[in-house]
All heavy atoms as atom14 arrays in JSON, in Angstrom:
{
  "sequence": "QDFKRTVLIVDDEALNRELLGNIIETEYKVIFASDGKEALEKIHTY",
  "atom14_mask": [
    [1, 1, 1, 1, 1, 1, 1, 1, 1, 0, 0, 0, 0, 0],
    [1, 1, 1, 1, 1, 1, 1, 1, 0, 0, 0, 0, 0, 0],
    [1, 1, 1, 1, 1, 1, 1, 1, 1, 1, 1, 0, 0, 0],
    [1, 1, 1, 1, 1, 1, 1, 1, 1, 0, 0, 0, 0, 0],
    [1, 1, 1, 1, 1, 1, 1, 1, 1, 1, 1, 0, 0, 0],
    [1, 1, 1, 1, 1, 1, 1, 0, 0, 0, 0, 0, 0, 0],
    [1, 1, 1, 1, 1, 1, 1, 0, 0, 0, 0, 0, 0, 0],
    [1, 1, 1, 1, 1, 1, 1, 1, 0, 0, 0, 0, 0, 0],
    [1, 1, 1, 1, 1, 1, 1, 1, 0, 0, 0, 0, 0, 0],
    [1, 1, 1, 1, 1, 1, 1, 0, 0, 0, 0, 0, 0, 0],
    [1, 1, 1, 1, 1, 1, 1, 1, 0, 0, 0, 0, 0, 0],
    [1, 1, 1, 1, 1, 1, 1, 1, 0, 0, 0, 0, 0, 0],
    [1, 1, 1, 1, 1, 1, 1, 1, 1, 0, 0, 0, 0, 0],
    [1, 1, 1, 1, 1, 0, 0, 0, 0, 0, 0, 0, 0, 0],
    [1, 1, 1, 1, 1, 1, 1, 1, 0, 0, 0, 0, 0, 0],
    [1, 1, 1, 1, 1, 1, 1, 1, 0, 0, 0, 0, 0, 0],
    [1, 1, 1, 1, 1, 1, 1, 1, 1, 1, 1, 0, 0, 0],
    [1, 1, 1, 1, 1, 1, 1, 1, 1, 0, 0, 0, 0, 0],
    [1, 1, 1, 1, 1, 1, 1, 1, 0, 0, 0, 0, 0, 0],
    [1, 1, 1, 1, 1, 1, 1, 1, 0, 0, 0, 0, 0, 0],
    [1, 1, 1, 1, 0, 0, 0, 0, 0, 0, 0, 0, 0, 0],
    [1, 1, 1, 1, 1, 1, 1, 1, 0, 0, 0, 0, 0, 0],
    [1, 1, 1, 1, 1, 1, 1, 1, 0, 0, 0, 0, 0, 0],
    [1, 1, 1, 1, 1, 1, 1, 1, 0, 0, 0, 0, 0, 0],
    [1, 1, 1, 1, 1, 1, 1, 1, 1, 0, 0, 0, 0, 0],
    [1, 1, 1, 1, 1, 1, 1, 0, 0, 0, 0, 0, 0, 0],
    [1, 1, 1, 1, 1, 1, 1, 1, 1, 0, 0, 0, 0, 0],
    [1, 1, 1, 1, 1, 1, 1, 1, 1, 1, 1, 1, 0, 0],
    [1, 1, 1, 1, 1, 1, 1, 1, 1, 0, 0, 0, 0, 0],
    [1, 1, 1, 1, 1, 1, 1, 0, 0, 0, 0, 0, 0, 0],
    [1, 1, 1, 1, 1, 1, 1, 1, 0, 0, 0, 0, 0, 0],
    [1, 1, 1, 1, 1, 1, 1, 1, 1, 1, 1, 0, 0, 0],
    [1, 1, 1, 1, 1, 0, 0, 0, 0, 0, 0, 0, 0, 0],
    [1, 1, 1, 1, 1, 1, 0, 0, 0, 0, 0, 0, 0, 0],
    [1, 1, 1, 1, 1, 1, 1, 1, 0, 0, 0, 0, 0, 0],
    [1, 1, 1, 1, 0, 0, 0, 0, 0, 0, 0, 0, 0, 0],
    [1, 1, 1, 1, 1, 1, 1, 1, 1, 0, 0, 0, 0, 0],
    [1, 1, 1, 1, 1, 1, 1, 1, 1, 0, 0, 0, 0, 0],
    [1, 1, 1, 1, 1, 0, 0, 0, 0, 0, 0, 0, 0, 0],
    [1, 1, 1, 1, 1, 1, 1, 1, 0, 0, 0, 0, 0, 0],
    [1, 1, 1, 1, 1, 1, 1, 1, 1, 0, 0, 0, 0, 0],
    [1, 1, 1, 1, 1, 1, 1, 1, 1, 0, 0, 0, 0, 0],
    [1, 1, 1, 1, 1, 1, 1, 1, 0, 0, 0, 0, 0, 0],
    [1, 1, 1, 1, 1, 1, 1, 1, 1, 1, 0, 0, 0, 0],
    [1, 1, 1, 1, 1, 1, 1, 0, 0, 0, 0, 0, 0, 0],
    [1, 1, 1, 1, 1, 1, 1, 1, 1, 1, 1, 1, 0, 0]
  ],
  "atom14_positions": [
    [[15.27, -25.98, -27.11], [13.89, -25.81, -27.56], [12.94, -25.66, -26.37], [11.94, -24.94, -26.45], [13.48, -27.0, -28.43], [14.2, -27.02, -29.79], [13.95, -28.3, -30.55], [13.59, -29.34, -29.97], [14.13, -28.25, -31.86], [0.0, 0.0, 0.0], [0.0, 0.0, 0.0], [0.0, 0.0, 0.0], [0.0, 0.0, 0.0], [0.0, 0.0, 0.0]],
    [[13.24, -26.36, -25.27], [12.39, -26.3, -24.09], [12.62, -25.04, -23.27], [11.83, -24.73, -22.38], [12.64, -27.53, -23.19], [12.13, -28.82, -23.86], [11.3, -28.69, -24.77], [12.58, -29.9, -23.47], [0.0, 0.0, 0.0], [0.0, 0.0, 0.0], [0.0, 0.0, 0.0], [0.0, 0.0, 0.0], [0.0, 0.0, 0.0], [0.0, 0.0, 0.0]],
    [[13.71, -24.32, -23.54], [14.04, -23.15, -22.72], [12.96, -22.07, -22.86], [12.54, -21.73, -23.96], [15.39, -22.57, -23.16], [15.66, -21.22, -22.54], [16.05, -21.12, -21.23], [15.5, -20.06, -23.28], [16.3, -19.89, -20.65], [15.74, -18.82, -22.71], [16.15, -18.74, -21.39], [0.0, 0.0, 0.0], [0.0, 0.0, 0.0], [0.0, 0.0, 0.0]],
    [[12.51, -21.58, -21.71], [11.56, -20.48, -21.69], [12.05, -19.42, -20.72], [12.58, -19.75, -19.66], [10.18, -20.97, -21.25], [9.42, -21.79, -22.29], [8.01, -22.11, -21.78], [7.21, -22.85, -22.84], [5.82, -23.14, -22.37], [0.0, 0.0, 0.0], [0.0, 0.0, 0.0], [0.0, 0.0, 0.0], [0.0, 0.0, 0.0], [0.0, 0.0, 0.0]],
    [[11.87, -18.18, -21.09], [12.2, -17.1, -20.18], [11.24, -17.11, -19.0], [10.08, -17.5, -19.14], [12.15, -15.76, -20.91], [13.23, -15.59, -21.97], [13.0, -14.36, -22.82], [14.08, -14.16, -23.77], [14.21, -14.83, -24.91], [13.31, -15.75, -25.24], [15.22, -14.58, -25.71], [0.0, 0.0, 0.0], [0.0, 0.0, 0.0], [0.0, 0.0, 0.0]],
    [[11.74, -16.67, -17.85], [10.94, -16.73, -16.62], [10.33, -15.38, -16.31], [11.02, -14.36, -16.34], [11.82, -17.19, -15.44], [12.38, -18.46, -15.75], [11.0, -17.3, -14.16], [0.0, 0.0, 0.0], [0.0, 0.0, 0.0], [0.0, 0.0, 0.0], [0.0, 0.0, 0.0], [0.0, 0.0, 0.0], [0.0, 0.0, 0.0], [0.0, 0.0, 0.0]],
    [[9.02, -15.39, -16.0], [8.29, -14.17, -15.65], [7.73, -14.34, -14.23], [7.13, -15.37, -13.91], [7.14, -13.9, -16.64], [6.31, -12.71, -16.17], [7.69, -13.64, -18.04], [0.0, 0.0, 0.0], [0.0, 0.0, 0.0], [0.0, 0.0, 0.0], [0.0, 0.0, 0.0], [0.0, 0.0, 0.0], [0.0, 0.0, 0.0], [0.0, 0.0, 0.0]],
    [[7.95, -13.35, -13.4], [7.43, -13.33, -12.03], [6.15, -12.48, -11.99], [6.17, -11.31, -12.36], [8.47, -12.76, -11.06], [8.0, -12.46, -9.64], [7.55, -13.74, -8.92], [9.11, -11.76, -8.84], [0.0, 0.0, 0.0], [0.0, 0.0, 0.0], [0.0, 0.0, 0.0], [0.0, 0.0, 0.0], [0.0, 0.0, 0.0], [0.0, 0.0, 0.0]],
    [[5.05, -13.08, -11.54], [3.79, -12.35, -11.38], [3.59, -12.08, -9.89], [3.57, -13.03, -9.09], [2.6, -13.15, -11.95], [2.79, -13.36, -13.46], [1.28, -12.44, -11.67], [1.72, -14.23, -14.09], [0.0, 0.0, 0.0], [0.0, 0.0, 0.0], [0.0, 0.0, 0.0], [0.0, 0.0, 0.0], [0.0, 0.0, 0.0], [0.0, 0.0, 0.0]],
    [[3.45, -10.8, -9.53], [3.31, -10.41, -8.12], [1.94, -9.74, -7.94], [1.7, -8.65, -8.46], [4.44, -9.44, -7.7], [4.36, -9.18, -6.2], [5.81, -9.96, -8.11], [0.0, 0.0, 0.0], [0.0, 0.0, 0.0], [0.0, 0.0, 0.0], [0.0, 0.0, 0.0], [0.0, 0.0, 0.0], [0.0, 0.0, 0.0], [0.0, 0.0, 0.0]],
    [[1.05, -10.42, -7.2], [-0.28, -9.87, -6.93], [-0.83, -10.56, -5.69], [-0.66, -11.78, -5.53], [-1.2, -10.1, -8.13], [-2.41, -9.16, -8.13], [-3.09, -9.09, -7.08], [-2.65, -8.52, -9.17], [0.0, 0.0, 0.0], [0.0, 0.0, 0.0], [0.0, 0.0, 0.0], [0.0, 0.0, 0.0], [0.0, 0.0, 0.0], [0.0, 0.0, 0.0]],
    [[-1.5, -9.79, -4.81], [-2.02, -10.4, -3.58], [-3.33, -11.13, -3.81], [-3.78, -11.89, -2.95], [-2.2, -9.33, -2.49], [-3.17, -8.24, -2.92], [-3.17, -7.9, -4.13], [-3.9, -7.71, -2.07], [0.0, 0.0, 0.0], [0.0, 0.0, 0.0], [0.0, 0.0, 0.0], [0.0, 0.0, 0.0], [0.0, 0.0, 0.0], [0.0, 0.0, 0.0]],
    [[-3.94, -10.95, -4.98], [-5.19, -11.63, -5.28], [-4.9, -12.86, -6.15], [-4.36, -12.75, -7.25], [-6.16, -10.7, -6.0], [-6.62, -9.52, -5.13], [-7.68, -8.68, -5.82], [-8.27, -9.16, -6.82], [-7.91, -7.55, -5.36], [0.0, 0.0, 0.0], [0.0, 0.0, 0.0], [0.0, 0.0, 0.0], [0.0, 0.0, 0.0], [0.0, 0.0, 0.0]],
    [[-5.3, -14.01, -5.62], [-5.03, -15.28, -6.31], [-5.67, -15.34, -7.68], [-5.1, -15.9, -8.64], [-5.51, -16.45, -5.45], [0.0, 0.0, 0.0], [0.0, 0.0, 0.0], [0.0, 0.0, 0.0], [0.0, 0.0, 0.0], [0.0, 0.0, 0.0], [0.0, 0.0, 0.0], [0.0, 0.0, 0.0], [0.0, 0.0, 0.0], [0.0, 0.0, 0.0]],
    [[-6.89, -14.76, -7.81], [-7.58, -14.79, -9.1], [-6.8, -14.05, -10.18], [-6.68, -14.52, -11.32], [-8.98, -14.16, -8.94], [-9.87, -14.19, -10.19], [-10.15, -15.64, -10.6], [-11.18, -13.45, -9.94], [0.0, 0.0, 0.0], [0.0, 0.0, 0.0], [0.0, 0.0, 0.0], [0.0, 0.0, 0.0], [0.0, 0.0, 0.0], [0.0, 0.0, 0.0]],
    [[-6.24, -12.89, -9.8], [-5.44, -12.12, -10.77], [-4.17, -12.87, -11.16], [-3.76, -12.86, -12.32], [-5.07, -10.76, -10.18], [-6.25, -9.8, -10.14], [-7.22, -9.98, -10.89], [-6.17, -8.79, -9.28], [0.0, 0.0, 0.0], [0.0, 0.0, 0.0], [0.0, 0.0, 0.0], [0.0, 0.0, 0.0], [0.0, 0.0, 0.0], [0.0, 0.0, 0.0]],
    [[-3.54, -13.51, -10.16], [-2.32, -14.28, -10.47], [-2.63, -15.41, -11.45], [-1.9, -15.64, -12.41], [-1.71, -14.87, -9.18], [-1.17, -13.84, -8.22], [-0.2, -14.46, -7.21], [-0.83, -15.51, -6.4], [-1.46, -15.3, -5.25], [-1.57, -14.05, -4.79], [-1.97, -16.31, -4.55], [0.0, 0.0, 0.0], [0.0, 0.0, 0.0], [0.0, 0.0, 0.0]],
    [[-3.77, -16.11, -11.19], [-4.13, -17.23, -12.04], [-4.49, -16.76, -13.45], [-4.1, -17.38, -14.45], [-5.32, -17.98, -11.42], [-5.68, -19.25, -12.17], [-6.81, -20.01, -11.48], [-7.17, -19.65, -10.33], [-7.32, -20.95, -12.1], [0.0, 0.0, 0.0], [0.0, 0.0, 0.0], [0.0, 0.0, 0.0], [0.0, 0.0, 0.0], [0.0, 0.0, 0.0]],
    [[-5.21, -15.65, -13.53], [-5.62, -15.12, -14.83], [-4.41, -14.77, -15.69], [-4.3, -15.18, -16.86], [-6.5, -13.89, -14.62], [-6.93, -13.13, -15.89], [-7.81, -14.01, -16.77], [-7.67, -11.84, -15.53], [0.0, 0.0, 0.0], [0.0, 0.0, 0.0], [0.0, 0.0, 0.0], [0.0, 0.0, 0.0], [0.0, 0.0, 0.0], [0.0, 0.0, 0.0]],
    [[-3.48, -14.0, -15.11], [-2.27, -13.61, -15.86], [-1.39, -14.82, -16.16], [-0.8, -14.93, -17.24], [-1.48, -12.56, -15.07], [-2.09, -11.16, -15.02], [-1.31, -10.28, -14.05], [-2.11, -10.52, -16.4], [0.0, 0.0, 0.0], [0.0, 0.0, 0.0], [0.0, 0.0, 0.0], [0.0, 0.0, 0.0], [0.0, 0.0, 0.0], [0.0, 0.0, 0.0]],
    [[-1.31, -15.72, -15.18], [-0.49, -16.92, -15.38], [-0.97, -17.74, -16.56], [-0.15, -18.23, -17.36], [0.0, 0.0, 0.0], [0.0, 0.0, 0.0], [0.0, 0.0, 0.0], [0.0, 0.0, 0.0], [0.0, 0.0, 0.0], [0.0, 0.0, 0.0], [0.0, 0.0, 0.0], [0.0, 0.0, 0.0], [0.0, 0.0, 0.0], [0.0, 0.0, 0.0]],
    [[-2.28, -17.91, -16.71], [-2.82, -18.69, -17.83], [-2.48, -18.05, -19.17], [-2.26, -18.74, -20.18], [-4.35, -18.82, -17.69], [-4.73, -19.77, -16.56], [-3.96, -20.64, -16.18], [-5.93, -19.57, -16.0], [0.0, 0.0, 0.0], [0.0, 0.0, 0.0], [0.0, 0.0, 0.0], [0.0, 0.0, 0.0], [0.0, 0.0, 0.0], [0.0, 0.0, 0.0]],
    [[-2.44, -16.71, -19.2], [-2.11, -16.01, -20.45], [-0.62, -16.12, -20.76], [-0.22, -16.42, -21.9], [-2.53, -14.53, -20.36], [-4.06, -14.41, -20.21], [-2.04, -13.75, -21.57], [-4.52, -13.0, -19.88], [0.0, 0.0, 0.0], [0.0, 0.0, 0.0], [0.0, 0.0, 0.0], [0.0, 0.0, 0.0], [0.0, 0.0, 0.0], [0.0, 0.0, 0.0]],
    [[0.2, -15.93, -19.75], [1.66, -15.84, -19.95], [2.3, -17.2, -20.19], [3.25, -17.33, -20.96], [2.32, -15.16, -18.73], [1.73, -13.78, -18.48], [3.83, -15.05, -18.91], [1.96, -12.8, -19.57], [0.0, 0.0, 0.0], [0.0, 0.0, 0.0], [0.0, 0.0, 0.0], [0.0, 0.0, 0.0], [0.0, 0.0, 0.0], [0.0, 0.0, 0.0]],
    [[1.77, -18.25, -19.54], [2.48, -19.53, -19.56], [2.49, -20.21, -20.93], [3.19, -21.2, -21.12], [1.86, -20.47, -18.53], [0.44, -20.92, -18.86], [-0.15, -21.8, -17.75], [0.56, -21.99, -16.73], [-1.29, -22.28, -17.92], [0.0, 0.0, 0.0], [0.0, 0.0, 0.0], [0.0, 0.0, 0.0], [0.0, 0.0, 0.0], [0.0, 0.0, 0.0]],
    [[1.73, -19.68, -21.88], [1.81, -20.23, -23.24], [3.18, -19.99, -23.87], [3.61, -20.75, -24.74], [0.73, -19.6, -24.14], [0.91, -18.17, -24.16], [-0.66, -19.93, -23.64], [0.0, 0.0, 0.0], [0.0, 0.0, 0.0], [0.0, 0.0, 0.0], [0.0, 0.0, 0.0], [0.0, 0.0, 0.0], [0.0, 0.0, 0.0], [0.0, 0.0, 0.0]],
    [[3.89, -18.94, -23.42], [5.21, -18.62, -23.99], [6.32, -18.53, -22.95], [7.51, -18.55, -23.32], [5.14, -17.27, -24.74], [4.25, -17.31, -25.97], [4.35, -16.04, -26.8], [5.32, -15.26, -26.61], [3.45, -15.81, -27.62], [0.0, 0.0, 0.0], [0.0, 0.0, 0.0], [0.0, 0.0, 0.0], [0.0, 0.0, 0.0], [0.0, 0.0, 0.0]],
    [[5.96, -18.43, -21.68], [6.98, -18.2, -20.65], [6.78, -19.13, -19.46], [5.66, -19.59, -19.19], [6.91, -16.74, -20.16], [7.12, -15.73, -21.27], [6.02, -15.15, -21.92], [8.39, -15.37, -21.68], [6.2, -14.23, -22.94], [8.59, -14.46, -22.69], [7.49, -13.89, -23.33], [7.68, -13.0, -24.34], [0.0, 0.0, 0.0], [0.0, 0.0, 0.0]],
    [[7.87, -19.38, -18.76], [7.79, -20.06, -17.48], [7.34, -19.04, -16.45], [7.9, -17.94, -16.38], [9.15, -20.64, -17.11], [9.19, -21.3, -15.74], [10.61, -21.79, -15.42], [10.67, -22.36, -14.01], [12.06, -22.78, -13.66], [0.0, 0.0, 0.0], [0.0, 0.0, 0.0], [0.0, 0.0, 0.0], [0.0, 0.0, 0.0], [0.0, 0.0, 0.0]],
    [[6.34, -19.38, -15.63], [5.75, -18.41, -14.72], [6.0, -18.82, -13.27], [5.83, -20.0, -12.91], [4.24, -18.28, -14.96], [3.63, -17.25, -14.01], [3.96, -17.88, -16.41], [0.0, 0.0, 0.0], [0.0, 0.0, 0.0], [0.0, 0.0, 0.0], [0.0, 0.0, 0.0], [0.0, 0.0, 0.0], [0.0, 0.0, 0.0], [0.0, 0.0, 0.0]],
    [[6.43, -17.87, -12.44], [6.51, -18.06, -10.99], [5.69, -16.95, -10.34], [5.43, -15.92, -10.96], [7.96, -18.05, -10.48], [8.65, -16.72, -10.83], [8.75, -19.23, -11.03], [10.06, -16.6, -10.25], [0.0, 0.0, 0.0], [0.0, 0.0, 0.0], [0.0, 0.0, 0.0], [0.0, 0.0, 0.0], [0.0, 0.0, 0.0], [0.0, 0.0, 0.0]],
    [[5.28, -17.17, -9.06], [4.34, -16.24, -8.44], [4.86, -15.75, -7.09], [5.67, -16.42, -6.43], [2.98, -16.92, -8.23], [2.33, -17.41, -9.5], [2.47, -18.74, -9.91], [1.6, -16.54, -10.29], [1.89, -19.18, -11.08], [1.0, -16.98, -11.46], [1.15, -18.3, -11.86], [0.0, 0.0, 0.0], [0.0, 0.0, 0.0], [0.0, 0.0, 0.0]],
    [[4.36, -14.58, -6.7], [4.56, -14.04, -5.35], [3.29, -13.31, -4.96], [2.65, -12.65, -5.79], [5.76, -13.1, -5.3], [0.0, 0.0, 0.0], [0.0, 0.0, 0.0], [0.0, 0.0, 0.0], [0.0, 0.0, 0.0], [0.0, 0.0, 0.0], [0.0, 0.0, 0.0], [0.0, 0.0, 0.0], [0.0, 0.0, 0.0], [0.0, 0.0, 0.0]],
    [[2.9, -13.43, -3.67], [1.62, -12.86, -3.22], [1.78, -11.49, -2.56], [0.78, -10.85, -2.24], [0.92, -13.82, -2.26], [1.76, -14.08, -1.14], [0.0, 0.0, 0.0], [0.0, 0.0, 0.0], [0.0, 0.0, 0.0], [0.0, 0.0, 0.0], [0.0, 0.0, 0.0], [0.0, 0.0, 0.0], [0.0, 0.0, 0.0], [0.0, 0.0, 0.0]],
    [[3.03, -11.05, -2.33], [3.25, -9.71, -1.77], [4.66, -9.25, -2.13], [5.47, -10.0, -2.68], [3.05, -9.7, -0.24], [3.96, -10.68, 0.48], [5.2, -10.59, 0.3], [3.45, -11.55, 1.22], [0.0, 0.0, 0.0], [0.0, 0.0, 0.0], [0.0, 0.0, 0.0], [0.0, 0.0, 0.0], [0.0, 0.0, 0.0], [0.0, 0.0, 0.0]],
    [[4.95, -7.98, -1.77], [6.23, -7.39, -2.15], [7.43, -8.05, -1.51], [8.49, -8.19, -2.13], [0.0, 0.0, 0.0], [0.0, 0.0, 0.0], [0.0, 0.0, 0.0], [0.0, 0.0, 0.0], [0.0, 0.0, 0.0], [0.0, 0.0, 0.0], [0.0, 0.0, 0.0], [0.0, 0.0, 0.0], [0.0, 0.0, 0.0], [0.0, 0.0, 0.0]],
    [[7.29, -8.5, -0.27], [8.41, -9.14, 0.43], [8.8, -10.44, -0.26], [9.99, -10.7, -0.52], [8.01, -9.41, 1.88], [9.11, -10.01, 2.74], [8.65, -10.09, 4.2], [9.74, -10.68, 5.09], [10.05, -12.08, 4.78], [0.0, 0.0, 0.0], [0.0, 0.0, 0.0], [0.0, 0.0, 0.0], [0.0, 0.0, 0.0], [0.0, 0.0, 0.0]],
    [[7.8, -11.25, -0.59], [8.06, -12.51, -1.29], [8.64, -12.24, -2.68], [9.5, -12.97, -3.17], [6.77, -13.32, -1.38], [6.98, -14.71, -1.98], [5.67, -15.47, -2.16], [4.6, -14.94, -1.77], [5.72, -16.59, -2.71], [0.0, 0.0, 0.0], [0.0, 0.0, 0.0], [0.0, 0.0, 0.0], [0.0, 0.0, 0.0], [0.0, 0.0, 0.0]],
    [[8.16, -11.16, -3.31], [8.65, -10.81, -4.64], [10.15, -10.52, -4.62], [10.91, -11.0, -5.47], [7.88, -9.6, -5.17], [0.0, 0.0, 0.0], [0.0, 0.0, 0.0], [0.0, 0.0, 0.0], [0.0, 0.0, 0.0], [0.0, 0.0, 0.0], [0.0, 0.0, 0.0], [0.0, 0.0, 0.0], [0.0, 0.0, 0.0], [0.0, 0.0, 0.0]],
    [[10.58, -9.71, -3.64], [12.02, -9.38, -3.55], [12.86, -10.62, -3.29], [13.97, -10.75, -3.83], [12.25, -8.33, -2.45], [11.77, -6.91, -2.78], [11.92, -6.01, -1.56], [12.54, -6.33, -3.96], [0.0, 0.0, 0.0], [0.0, 0.0, 0.0], [0.0, 0.0, 0.0], [0.0, 0.0, 0.0], [0.0, 0.0, 0.0], [0.0, 0.0, 0.0]],
    [[12.35, -11.53, -2.47], [13.08, -12.77, -2.2], [13.29, -13.56, -3.49], [14.39, -14.09, -3.75], [12.32, -13.62, -1.18], [12.32, -13.03, 0.23], [11.4, -13.78, 1.18], [10.7, -14.71, 0.71], [11.37, -13.44, 2.38], [0.0, 0.0, 0.0], [0.0, 0.0, 0.0], [0.0, 0.0, 0.0], [0.0, 0.0, 0.0], [0.0, 0.0, 0.0]],
    [[12.26, -13.64, -4.33], [12.37, -14.39, -5.58], [13.24, -13.65, -6.61], [13.95, -14.29, -7.4], [10.98, -14.68, -6.14], [10.21, -15.64, -5.25], [9.06, -16.32, -5.94], [8.48, -17.39, -5.0], [7.33, -18.1, -5.58], [0.0, 0.0, 0.0], [0.0, 0.0, 0.0], [0.0, 0.0, 0.0], [0.0, 0.0, 0.0], [0.0, 0.0, 0.0]],
    [[13.18, -12.33, -6.59], [14.07, -11.55, -7.47], [15.52, -11.81, -7.11], [16.37, -12.0, -7.99], [13.73, -10.05, -7.38], [12.38, -9.77, -8.06], [14.83, -9.2, -8.03], [11.83, -8.39, -7.8], [0.0, 0.0, 0.0], [0.0, 0.0, 0.0], [0.0, 0.0, 0.0], [0.0, 0.0, 0.0], [0.0, 0.0, 0.0], [0.0, 0.0, 0.0]],
    [[15.81, -11.87, -5.8], [17.19, -12.15, -5.36], [17.59, -13.58, -5.7], [18.73, -13.85, -6.06], [17.31, -11.94, -3.84], [17.16, -10.5, -3.44], [16.67, -10.11, -2.23], [17.43, -9.35, -4.11], [16.65, -8.79, -2.16], [17.11, -8.3, -3.29], [0.0, 0.0, 0.0], [0.0, 0.0, 0.0], [0.0, 0.0, 0.0], [0.0, 0.0, 0.0]],
    [[16.64, -14.51, -5.6], [16.94, -15.92, -5.87], [17.21, -16.17, -7.36], [18.18, -16.82, -7.72], [15.76, -16.81, -5.42], [15.55, -16.62, -4.02], [16.06, -18.28, -5.7], [0.0, 0.0, 0.0], [0.0, 0.0, 0.0], [0.0, 0.0, 0.0], [0.0, 0.0, 0.0], [0.0, 0.0, 0.0], [0.0, 0.0, 0.0], [0.0, 0.0, 0.0]],
    [[16.35, -15.62, -8.2], [16.46, -15.88, -9.65], [17.48, -14.97, -10.33], [18.1, -15.36, -11.32], [15.1, -15.75, -10.32], [14.21, -16.95, -10.13], [13.47, -17.1, -8.97], [14.13, -17.94, -11.09], [12.65, -18.22, -8.77], [13.33, -19.06, -10.92], [12.59, -19.2, -9.75], [11.79, -20.3, -9.57], [0.0, 0.0, 0.0], [0.0, 0.0, 0.0]]
  ]
}
């Protein structure tokens, strides 16, 4: 019941990350990356 699919939000602007995160986290587990390099690292990790 607690299981949630994970969504990665990649944006260099903190405000945009927070805005999307607040919308998405009602149904999904959210993780963040602030640039493309960090995004690829998290894609490889998850």
